[in-house]
Amino acid sequence: SWGMNQTIAPVRVTGDPRCDELQKRLDTEIAEPTLTFGGDNTYDPDNIQDILHNLRVLGWATWSVPPELRKQRFANLERELHTMRPDQYSLEVEPVSGQRYRWQKDLWGGGATAVDIEWYNGMQLAGLWAGYFYSGDEETFLAKVRARWEIVQDLLRYFEIFDDWPTGLTYTALTRKCLWFDGFNFVWQGVCGAARLARIVGDDETADRAELLAARYSLARSAAWFMLPYTDRHDGFHKQVKQLQTGAQMIEVGPQSPGMGVAGFVEKRGVTVGPWYDPGNMIGYLVPEQLIMQMSIPGVLEMMRRGQYEFLPLHQLDWNYRFHRTPDGKGPSKPHWLYPSHSHFYHLDPQLFVRSILLREPLDTLLSYTAELTGPVMECYLVARSPMVLFPTDVRFRGVTFDAAAGELVVQFEASEGVRAAMEVVFERSVTGVEGAAWETGGGRARVTLEGGEGVKTVKMRFGGQSFAQK
């Protein structure tokens, strides 16, 4: 499965005043998140859905704040998982198989819902794994996971019950009417997280099931990028037509239009489509597994590039500021208190994830798009500023720092004696030296072998060529 054994590591950057300022702002946002949004139009930092979503999108970023504040900031997000209790979930039984599953009962303010359960369950499982991986105290966090393992299994079981074998996907709605990639992206991330946690807690049976789902999801998602011509020839389209504004001109966009891809499946109506820059279906909100897949398949990376530089400007000239105005420019179209975070989640931030993580734009260019930055975007900008570390998920993370003035990257980790894990580093400058690990380069990546042993291990990499201060 793409991304099962790797994740995109956060980084603390020194030697660059722009990053100093970003990291100060990031610390303020983590201390009191104001722009996180999980999709259900409610936010409560003590609600377990929001706790786990904050860990999903901000847990990694605690490694970029001043080291003396990291534990405090992480604890502010994690809150001891105190509301991850059975009474906070609806427990349902699927009538045919008799299997049970859970979903968080306060979604949409406690209103009954039959849609997007896959979205929220995936987010919860993904956040739980992120909490473990970025806690810096894995055994303490793992004890909390073990105490809640029955809940974890019930969250995961939804994907096994509401499963579509032909497409390899899970259902968006309990009525089995549709399968959307926006929620599926979180499912993929969550199932990968559940598989990793299951292996760590020693539940190999659950780990095997989750890894099978993750492998199928990886295959289904990667294949869908290239499915459009086949479905067109076989009349499989839901014949939708969208109108996207570009200034005063309206452009009709349908399945025959260039720059379109499969966005999901609808029962009895076939495949639904969306543009390559579609924030929800094509990009997703900070899903490392999806981003790693997109950067690793050349054809998909080219789609993302063309989506940003060719089709997004054609269809949405004002993409980087329209998120806080209606099409007629009269201000927020949803003036409720969560509107800013809603807008970042559904419109702006995914484009900035692509431009920073996948397209590796210079920091000054990234900073020019908007002054209002969310925590996840600020962390992605820091990652773009340094060589990007694809860190193995089977060793313990102890931090990545990058000295931009000296061009030196430092990676720290812990692993048991005899453990060997593969780390990759994506870079634009030449590697001039590596200390603490065996390595090789090729295709703009360095492949570094991490070996476990007693205590914290350190790998140092030095980069030459054009000064990093100019990036």
Protein backbone atom coordinates (compact mmCIF):
# COMPACT_ATOMS: atom_id res chain seq x y z
CA SER A 1 0.00 0.00 0.00
CA TRP A 2 1.28 3.47 -0.88
CA GLY A 3 2.26 5.24 2.32
CA MET A 4 1.72 2.23 4.62
CA ASN A 5 5.39 2.14 5.62
CA GLN A 6 6.21 5.84 5.24
CA THR A 7 4.86 9.21 6.25
CA ILE A 8 5.87 12.81 5.54
CA ALA A 9 7.96 14.01 8.46
CA PRO A 10 7.60 17.46 10.02
CA VAL A 11 10.68 19.65 10.31
CA ARG A 12 11.98 22.46 12.48
CA VAL A 13 13.92 24.96 10.34
CA THR A 14 16.71 27.23 11.57
CA GLY A 15 18.82 29.77 9.71
CA ASP A 16 15.90 31.43 7.90
CA PRO A 17 14.05 34.42 9.43
CA ARG A 18 10.93 33.62 7.39
CA CYS A 19 10.74 30.20 9.02
CA ASP A 20 11.36 31.69 12.45
CA GLU A 21 8.22 33.76 11.98
CA LEU A 22 6.25 30.83 10.58
CA GLN A 23 7.18 28.68 13.56
CA LYS A 24 6.09 31.40 16.01
CA ARG A 25 2.73 31.62 14.26
CA LEU A 26 2.45 27.85 14.17
CA ASP A 27 3.03 27.63 17.92
CA THR A 28 0.25 30.14 18.51
CA GLU A 29 -2.15 28.14 16.34
CA ILE A 30 -1.34 24.83 18.04
CA ALA A 31 -1.73 26.42 21.49
CA GLU A 32 -5.31 27.38 20.59
CA PRO A 33 -6.46 25.96 17.24
CA THR A 34 -8.83 28.32 15.45
CA LEU A 35 -8.81 27.05 11.89
CA THR A 36 -9.20 23.29 12.19
CA PHE A 37 -12.33 21.77 10.73
CA GLY A 38 -13.35 18.14 10.46
CA GLY A 39 -16.35 18.49 8.18
CA ASP A 40 -19.41 18.55 10.43
CA ASN A 41 -19.81 22.32 11.08
CA THR A 42 -19.15 21.98 14.81
CA TYR A 43 -15.96 22.38 16.82
CA ASP A 44 -15.25 21.55 20.44
CA PRO A 45 -11.62 20.89 21.46
CA ASP A 46 -12.86 18.36 24.04
CA ASN A 47 -15.07 16.41 21.64
CA ILE A 48 -13.27 13.21 20.64
CA GLN A 49 -13.90 13.80 16.93
CA ASP A 50 -12.15 17.16 17.18
CA ILE A 51 -9.41 15.86 19.50
CA LEU A 52 -8.47 13.14 17.04
CA HIS A 53 -8.82 15.43 14.04
CA ASN A 54 -6.51 17.96 15.70
CA LEU A 55 -3.99 15.18 16.27
CA ARG A 56 -4.38 14.13 12.63
CA VAL A 57 -3.60 17.56 11.17
CA LEU A 58 -1.56 19.25 13.93
CA GLY A 59 0.08 16.46 15.93
CA TRP A 60 3.04 16.32 13.55
CA ALA A 61 3.46 20.09 13.71
CA THR A 62 4.24 20.01 17.44
CA TRP A 63 7.75 18.92 16.38
CA SER A 64 8.30 22.33 14.73
CA VAL A 65 7.62 24.49 17.80
CA PRO A 66 10.36 25.26 20.34
CA PRO A 67 11.44 21.94 21.90
CA GLU A 68 10.70 23.11 25.42
CA LEU A 69 7.05 23.71 24.43
CA ARG A 70 6.42 20.58 22.39
CA LYS A 71 5.06 18.33 25.16
CA GLN A 72 2.76 21.07 26.42
CA ARG A 73 1.40 21.77 22.94
CA PHE A 74 0.86 18.07 22.24
CA ALA A 75 -0.98 17.63 25.54
CA ASN A 76 -3.23 20.57 24.62
CA LEU A 77 -4.30 18.69 21.49
CA GLU A 78 -4.46 15.19 22.97
CA ARG A 79 -6.32 15.99 26.23
CA GLU A 80 -5.67 12.47 27.50
CA LEU A 81 -8.24 11.21 24.95
CA HIS A 82 -10.64 11.74 27.84
CA THR A 83 -13.78 11.67 25.70
CA MET A 84 -12.87 8.53 23.76
CA ARG A 85 -15.41 6.57 25.79
CA PRO A 86 -18.16 4.16 24.73
CA ASP A 87 -20.89 6.63 25.79
CA GLN A 88 -19.62 9.10 23.17
CA TYR A 89 -20.43 6.75 20.30
CA SER A 90 -23.50 5.29 18.66
CA LEU A 91 -23.23 1.50 18.56
CA GLU A 92 -25.00 -0.03 15.56
CA VAL A 93 -25.57 -3.60 14.42
CA GLU A 94 -25.66 -4.46 10.72
CA PRO A 95 -28.79 -6.63 10.43
CA VAL A 96 -27.61 -9.16 7.85
CA SER A 97 -24.24 -10.14 9.26
CA GLY A 98 -24.93 -9.19 12.87
CA GLN A 99 -21.61 -7.33 13.04
CA ARG A 100 -21.44 -4.14 15.07
CA TYR A 101 -19.77 -0.83 14.33
CA ARG A 102 -19.53 2.60 15.94
CA TRP A 103 -19.58 6.22 14.94
CA GLN A 104 -19.25 9.37 17.02
CA LYS A 105 -22.74 10.36 18.14
CA ASP A 106 -22.25 14.16 18.24
CA LEU A 107 -21.55 14.59 14.52
CA TRP A 108 -23.57 17.45 13.07
CA GLY A 109 -24.56 18.56 16.54
CA GLY A 110 -25.93 15.13 17.45
CA GLY A 111 -28.31 14.95 14.51
CA ALA A 112 -28.92 11.54 12.98
CA THR A 113 -26.81 10.99 9.88
CA ALA A 114 -26.53 8.17 7.38
CA VAL A 115 -23.76 9.77 5.35
CA ASP A 116 -20.04 10.41 5.74
CA ILE A 117 -19.57 7.91 8.56
CA GLU A 118 -16.59 6.56 6.63
CA TRP A 119 -15.16 10.11 6.57
CA TYR A 120 -15.33 10.56 10.35
CA ASN A 121 -14.30 7.04 11.34
CA GLY A 122 -11.30 7.33 9.03
CA MET A 123 -10.31 10.65 10.57
CA GLN A 124 -10.52 9.20 14.07
CA LEU A 125 -8.32 6.20 13.31
CA ALA A 126 -5.83 8.40 11.46
CA GLY A 127 -5.69 10.84 14.37
CA LEU A 128 -5.17 8.05 16.88
CA TRP A 129 -2.16 6.76 14.97
CA ALA A 130 -0.75 10.28 14.55
CA GLY A 131 -1.13 10.78 18.29
CA TYR A 132 0.89 7.64 18.95
CA PHE A 133 3.57 8.38 16.36
CA TYR A 134 4.17 12.02 17.32
CA SER A 135 3.67 11.73 21.08
CA GLY A 136 7.36 11.28 21.82
CA ASP A 137 6.19 8.91 24.60
CA GLU A 138 4.83 5.94 22.72
CA GLU A 139 4.35 3.61 25.67
CA THR A 140 2.19 6.07 27.61
CA PHE A 141 0.05 6.82 24.56
CA LEU A 142 -0.14 3.14 23.65
CA ALA A 143 -1.60 2.36 27.07
CA LYS A 144 -4.48 4.71 26.23
CA VAL A 145 -4.95 2.99 22.89
CA ARG A 146 -5.03 -0.46 24.49
CA ALA A 147 -7.68 0.71 26.96
CA ARG A 148 -9.84 1.80 24.01
CA TRP A 149 -9.08 -1.05 21.62
CA GLU A 150 -12.69 -2.25 21.44
CA ILE A 151 -13.70 1.18 20.15
CA VAL A 152 -10.88 1.08 17.59
CA GLN A 153 -12.06 -2.30 16.31
CA ASP A 154 -15.66 -1.09 16.01
CA LEU A 155 -14.60 2.04 14.10
CA LEU A 156 -12.58 -0.11 11.70
CA ARG A 157 -15.35 -2.65 11.24
CA TYR A 158 -17.55 -0.11 9.42
CA PHE A 159 -15.22 -0.37 6.42
CA GLU A 160 -15.45 -4.15 6.34
CA ILE A 161 -19.26 -4.18 6.58
CA PHE A 162 -19.94 -1.39 4.10
CA ASP A 163 -17.55 -2.61 1.46
CA ASP A 164 -17.73 -2.70 -2.32
CA TRP A 165 -15.50 -5.44 -3.68
CA PRO A 166 -15.64 -4.54 -7.42
CA THR A 167 -14.38 -0.98 -6.90
CA GLY A 168 -12.27 -1.80 -3.85
CA LEU A 169 -13.84 1.10 -1.93
CA THR A 170 -16.05 1.66 1.07
CA TYR A 171 -19.45 3.37 1.05
CA THR A 172 -20.06 7.03 1.79
CA ALA A 173 -23.68 6.36 2.75
CA LEU A 174 -25.29 3.51 4.66
CA THR A 175 -27.77 3.29 1.78
CA ARG A 176 -24.87 2.20 -0.46
CA LYS A 177 -25.77 4.80 -3.06
CA CYS A 178 -22.36 6.35 -3.58
CA LEU A 179 -18.62 6.15 -3.02
CA TRP A 180 -16.89 9.53 -2.92
CA PHE A 181 -13.16 9.99 -2.91
CA ASP A 182 -13.24 12.92 -0.49
CA GLY A 183 -14.22 10.70 2.41
CA PHE A 184 -12.37 7.73 1.00
CA ASN A 185 -9.08 9.60 1.33
CA PHE A 186 -9.60 9.71 5.11
CA VAL A 187 -10.65 6.05 5.11
CA TRP A 188 -7.38 5.08 3.46
CA GLN A 189 -5.39 7.13 5.96
CA GLY A 190 -7.37 5.75 8.91
CA VAL A 191 -7.11 2.10 7.87
CA CYS A 192 -3.34 2.45 7.43
CA GLY A 193 -3.19 3.94 10.93
CA ALA A 194 -5.34 1.16 12.39
CA ALA A 195 -3.16 -1.51 10.74
CA ARG A 196 0.01 0.01 12.22
CA LEU A 197 -1.53 0.30 15.69
CA ALA A 198 -2.92 -3.24 15.58
CA ARG A 199 0.51 -4.62 14.79
CA ILE A 200 2.05 -2.63 17.65
CA VAL A 201 -0.53 -3.75 20.25
CA GLY A 202 -0.10 -7.37 19.13
CA ASP A 203 -3.51 -7.87 17.52
CA ASP A 204 -2.18 -9.56 14.40
CA GLU A 205 -5.62 -10.72 13.24
CA THR A 206 -6.93 -7.14 13.13
CA ALA A 207 -3.66 -5.96 11.59
CA ASP A 208 -3.93 -8.53 8.79
CA ARG A 209 -7.50 -7.47 7.99
CA ALA A 210 -6.63 -3.77 8.04
CA GLU A 211 -3.55 -4.27 5.87
CA LEU A 212 -5.65 -6.12 3.31
CA LEU A 213 -8.11 -3.22 3.21
CA ALA A 214 -5.26 -0.71 2.93
CA ALA A 215 -3.71 -2.64 0.02
CA ARG A 216 -7.04 -2.77 -1.81
CA TYR A 217 -7.68 0.92 -1.17
CA SER A 218 -4.22 1.81 -2.45
CA LEU A 219 -4.80 -0.14 -5.65
CA ALA A 220 -8.29 1.29 -6.16
CA ARG A 221 -7.18 4.88 -5.61
CA SER A 222 -4.14 4.67 -7.87
CA ALA A 223 -6.12 2.93 -10.64
CA ALA A 224 -8.87 5.55 -10.54
CA TRP A 225 -6.47 8.24 -11.74
CA PHE A 226 -6.25 6.43 -15.08
CA MET A 227 -9.83 5.17 -15.32
CA LEU A 228 -11.42 8.08 -17.15
CA PRO A 229 -10.86 6.93 -20.78
CA TYR A 230 -12.13 3.41 -20.03
CA THR A 231 -15.32 4.60 -18.36
CA ASP A 232 -15.93 7.10 -21.16
CA ARG A 233 -15.73 4.39 -23.84
CA HIS A 234 -18.12 2.17 -21.91
CA ASP A 235 -20.74 4.86 -21.23
CA GLY A 236 -20.21 4.56 -17.49
CA PHE A 237 -20.50 8.26 -16.76
CA HIS A 238 -22.92 10.03 -14.55
CA LYS A 239 -23.44 12.75 -17.17
CA GLN A 240 -22.94 15.68 -14.89
CA VAL A 241 -22.10 19.14 -16.12
CA LYS A 242 -20.50 21.66 -13.80
CA GLN A 243 -20.15 25.39 -14.22
CA LEU A 244 -16.96 26.92 -12.87
CA GLN A 245 -16.54 30.66 -12.79
CA THR A 246 -13.61 32.35 -14.41
CA GLY A 247 -14.15 36.07 -14.09
CA ALA A 248 -17.42 36.93 -15.86
CA GLN A 249 -17.27 33.87 -18.12
CA MET A 250 -18.92 30.54 -17.29
CA ILE A 251 -17.27 27.37 -18.61
CA GLU A 252 -19.18 24.12 -18.91
CA VAL A 253 -17.17 21.23 -17.51
CA GLY A 254 -18.16 17.63 -18.13
CA PRO A 255 -16.60 14.20 -18.50
CA GLN A 256 -15.17 15.02 -21.95
CA SER A 257 -13.32 18.11 -20.71
CA PRO A 258 -9.53 18.04 -20.35
CA GLY A 259 -8.11 18.04 -16.86
CA MET A 260 -10.85 15.84 -15.40
CA GLY A 261 -10.62 12.65 -13.38
CA VAL A 262 -12.79 10.13 -11.56
CA ALA A 263 -14.17 11.67 -8.37
CA GLY A 264 -16.34 8.78 -7.22
CA PHE A 265 -19.02 6.27 -8.14
CA VAL A 266 -22.78 6.63 -7.96
CA GLU A 267 -25.14 3.65 -7.93
CA LYS A 268 -27.04 3.25 -11.25
CA ARG A 269 -25.41 6.40 -12.68
CA GLY A 270 -21.82 5.29 -13.08
CA VAL A 271 -18.73 7.41 -12.57
CA THR A 272 -18.79 11.01 -11.43
CA VAL A 273 -15.96 13.33 -12.42
CA GLY A 274 -14.06 16.30 -11.08
CA PRO A 275 -11.11 18.50 -12.08
CA TRP A 276 -7.58 17.52 -11.14
CA TYR A 277 -7.47 20.44 -8.71
CA ASP A 278 -10.66 19.32 -6.91
CA PRO A 279 -9.74 19.97 -3.24
CA GLY A 280 -11.73 17.12 -1.71
CA ASN A 281 -11.79 14.26 -4.19
CA MET A 282 -8.47 14.69 -5.97
CA ILE A 283 -6.27 16.14 -3.22
CA GLY A 284 -7.78 15.58 0.21
CA TYR A 285 -7.08 17.44 3.42
CA LEU A 286 -3.57 16.49 4.50
CA VAL A 287 -3.52 12.77 3.74
CA PRO A 288 0.18 11.72 3.60
CA GLU A 289 -0.65 8.38 1.99
CA GLN A 290 -2.38 10.17 -0.87
CA LEU A 291 0.42 12.72 -1.25
CA ILE A 292 3.11 10.01 -1.27
CA MET A 293 1.20 8.14 -3.96
CA GLN A 294 0.80 11.31 -6.04
CA MET A 295 4.49 12.16 -5.89
CA SER A 296 5.54 8.56 -6.62
CA ILE A 297 3.52 7.92 -9.80
CA PRO A 298 4.87 10.21 -12.56
CA GLY A 299 1.59 10.35 -14.47
CA VAL A 300 -0.35 11.40 -11.38
CA LEU A 301 2.24 14.00 -10.39
CA GLU A 302 1.92 15.49 -13.88
CA MET A 303 -1.89 15.63 -13.46
CA MET A 304 -1.43 17.53 -10.19
CA ARG A 305 1.02 19.91 -11.84
CA ARG A 306 -1.27 20.62 -14.78
CA GLY A 307 -4.24 20.91 -12.46
CA GLN A 308 -2.55 23.72 -10.53
CA TYR A 309 -0.79 25.61 -13.30
CA GLU A 310 -3.03 25.00 -16.31
CA PHE A 311 -6.62 24.29 -15.26
CA LEU A 312 -7.03 26.00 -11.88
CA PRO A 313 -6.08 29.44 -13.29
CA LEU A 314 -8.41 28.82 -16.25
CA HIS A 315 -11.44 27.96 -14.13
CA GLN A 316 -10.79 29.90 -10.91
CA LEU A 317 -8.58 32.92 -11.43
CA ASP A 318 -9.27 34.02 -7.87
CA TRP A 319 -8.58 30.62 -6.26
CA ASN A 320 -6.30 31.99 -3.56
CA TYR A 321 -8.75 34.58 -2.20
CA ARG A 322 -12.20 33.49 -3.37
CA PHE A 323 -12.42 31.17 -0.35
CA HIS A 324 -13.71 34.02 1.83
CA ARG A 325 -16.10 35.65 -0.65
CA THR A 326 -19.18 34.73 -2.64
CA PRO A 327 -18.85 34.67 -6.44
CA ASP A 328 -20.25 38.21 -6.59
CA GLY A 329 -17.60 39.44 -4.14
CA LYS A 330 -19.99 40.45 -1.37
CA GLY A 331 -18.31 38.66 1.51
CA PRO A 332 -18.70 35.34 3.28
CA SER A 333 -21.42 33.15 1.84
CA LYS A 334 -21.76 31.24 5.14
CA PRO A 335 -21.43 33.75 7.96
CA HIS A 336 -21.41 31.18 10.77
CA TRP A 337 -18.55 31.17 13.24
CA LEU A 338 -16.72 28.28 11.59
CA TYR A 339 -16.79 29.79 8.11
CA PRO A 340 -13.04 30.62 7.91
CA SER A 341 -11.96 27.08 8.80
CA HIS A 342 -14.70 25.64 6.56
CA SER A 343 -13.32 27.66 3.65
CA HIS A 344 -9.73 26.63 4.23
CA PHE A 345 -10.71 22.97 4.48
CA TYR A 346 -12.85 22.82 1.36
CA HIS A 347 -11.14 25.34 -0.89
CA LEU A 348 -7.77 26.90 -0.21
CA ASP A 349 -5.57 24.63 1.89
CA PRO A 350 -5.51 21.55 -0.39
CA GLN A 351 -4.16 23.69 -3.24
CA LEU A 352 -1.41 24.92 -0.93
CA PHE A 353 -0.60 21.34 0.14
CA VAL A 354 -0.04 20.43 -3.51
CA ARG A 355 2.07 23.48 -4.25
CA SER A 356 4.27 22.99 -1.20
CA ILE A 357 4.57 19.20 -0.79
CA LEU A 358 4.22 17.93 -4.37
CA LEU A 359 5.40 20.84 -6.50
CA ARG A 360 7.97 22.15 -3.98
CA GLU A 361 7.45 25.82 -4.75
CA PRO A 362 9.87 28.38 -3.23
CA LEU A 363 8.80 29.72 0.15
CA ASP A 364 8.41 33.33 -1.06
CA THR A 365 6.01 32.13 -3.75
CA LEU A 366 4.00 30.13 -1.22
CA LEU A 367 3.83 33.07 1.18
CA SER A 368 2.50 35.33 -1.59
CA TYR A 369 -0.81 33.48 -2.00
CA THR A 370 -2.53 34.46 1.25
CA ALA A 371 -1.66 35.97 4.62
CA GLU A 372 -4.14 33.78 6.52
CA LEU A 373 -2.39 30.45 7.10
CA THR A 374 -3.66 27.44 8.98
CA GLY A 375 -1.41 25.24 11.12
CA PRO A 376 -1.29 22.36 8.61
CA VAL A 377 -0.36 24.76 5.80
CA MET A 378 2.41 26.37 7.85
CA GLU A 379 3.91 22.94 8.56
CA CYS A 380 3.75 22.06 4.85
CA TYR A 381 5.55 25.31 4.05
CA LEU A 382 8.34 24.33 6.45
CA VAL A 383 8.57 20.91 4.78
CA ALA A 384 8.81 22.63 1.39
CA ARG A 385 11.62 24.81 2.71
CA SER A 386 13.86 21.83 3.48
CA PRO A 387 14.72 18.47 1.93
CA MET A 388 11.55 16.42 2.50
CA VAL A 389 11.87 13.32 4.68
CA LEU A 390 9.66 10.30 3.98
CA PHE A 391 10.05 8.71 7.39
CA PRO A 392 9.48 4.98 8.08
CA THR A 393 6.46 4.28 10.26
CA ASP A 394 8.00 1.25 11.97
CA VAL A 395 10.64 3.16 13.95
CA ARG A 396 10.12 5.84 16.61
CA PHE A 397 10.26 9.45 15.45
CA ARG A 398 12.53 11.78 17.42
CA GLY A 399 12.58 14.83 15.19
CA VAL A 400 13.90 16.39 11.99
CA THR A 401 15.72 19.71 11.90
CA PHE A 402 17.14 21.61 8.96
CA ASP A 403 19.74 24.38 9.13
CA ALA A 404 18.89 26.36 6.01
CA ALA A 405 22.02 28.50 6.21
CA ALA A 406 24.40 25.53 6.45
CA GLY A 407 22.38 23.13 4.28
CA GLU A 408 22.41 20.42 6.97
CA LEU A 409 19.53 18.04 7.71
CA VAL A 410 19.45 16.11 11.01
CA VAL A 411 17.09 13.15 11.51
CA GLN A 412 16.71 11.44 14.88
CA PHE A 413 14.96 8.16 15.64
CA GLU A 414 14.83 5.18 17.97
CA ALA A 415 14.47 1.51 17.05
CA SER A 416 15.25 -1.83 18.65
CA GLU A 417 18.51 -3.66 18.00
CA GLY A 418 18.38 -5.47 14.66
CA VAL A 419 15.65 -3.28 13.14
CA ARG A 420 16.41 -1.90 9.67
CA ALA A 421 14.09 0.62 8.02
CA ALA A 422 14.17 2.57 4.77
CA MET A 423 13.96 6.37 4.84
CA GLU A 424 13.80 8.51 1.70
CA VAL A 425 14.76 12.15 1.36
CA VAL A 426 13.45 14.24 -1.54
CA PHE A 427 15.83 17.05 -2.46
CA GLU A 428 16.59 19.66 -5.11
CA ARG A 429 20.30 20.14 -4.27
CA SER A 430 23.14 17.65 -4.45
CA VAL A 431 23.91 15.48 -1.43
CA THR A 432 27.52 16.12 -0.35
CA GLY A 433 27.68 13.79 2.62
CA VAL A 434 25.79 11.53 5.03
CA GLU A 435 26.80 10.52 8.55
CA GLY A 436 25.24 7.75 10.63
CA ALA A 437 23.67 5.56 7.93
CA ALA A 438 24.25 3.82 4.61
CA TRP A 439 22.74 5.66 1.66
CA GLU A 440 22.40 5.89 -2.10
CA THR A 441 20.83 8.44 -4.43
CA GLY A 442 18.82 8.35 -7.62
CA GLY A 443 15.94 10.22 -9.24
CA GLY A 444 16.07 13.20 -6.88
CA ARG A 445 15.82 11.00 -3.79
CA ALA A 446 18.31 9.73 -1.26
CA ARG A 447 17.54 6.29 0.15
CA VAL A 448 18.89 5.97 3.67
CA THR A 449 18.95 2.78 5.75
CA LEU A 450 18.14 3.39 9.43
CA GLU A 451 19.48 0.77 11.83
CA GLY A 452 18.27 0.35 15.40
CA GLY A 453 20.29 0.04 18.57
CA GLU A 454 20.55 1.49 22.03
CA GLY A 455 19.31 5.06 22.53
CA VAL A 456 18.48 7.81 20.07
CA LYS A 457 20.21 7.51 16.70
CA THR A 458 21.18 10.49 14.55
CA VAL A 459 21.62 10.78 10.79
CA LYS A 460 23.15 13.95 9.33
CA MET A 461 22.92 14.89 5.67
CA ARG A 462 24.65 17.81 3.99
CA PHE A 463 23.53 19.40 0.76
CA GLY A 464 25.50 21.59 -1.64
CA GLY A 465 24.86 23.52 -4.81
CA GLN A 466 22.73 26.67 -4.85
CA SER A 467 22.30 28.14 -1.38
CA PHE A 468 19.21 26.96 0.44
CA ALA A 469 18.83 30.54 1.64
CA GLN A 470 17.64 31.35 -1.88
CA LYS A 471 14.77 28.79 -1.83
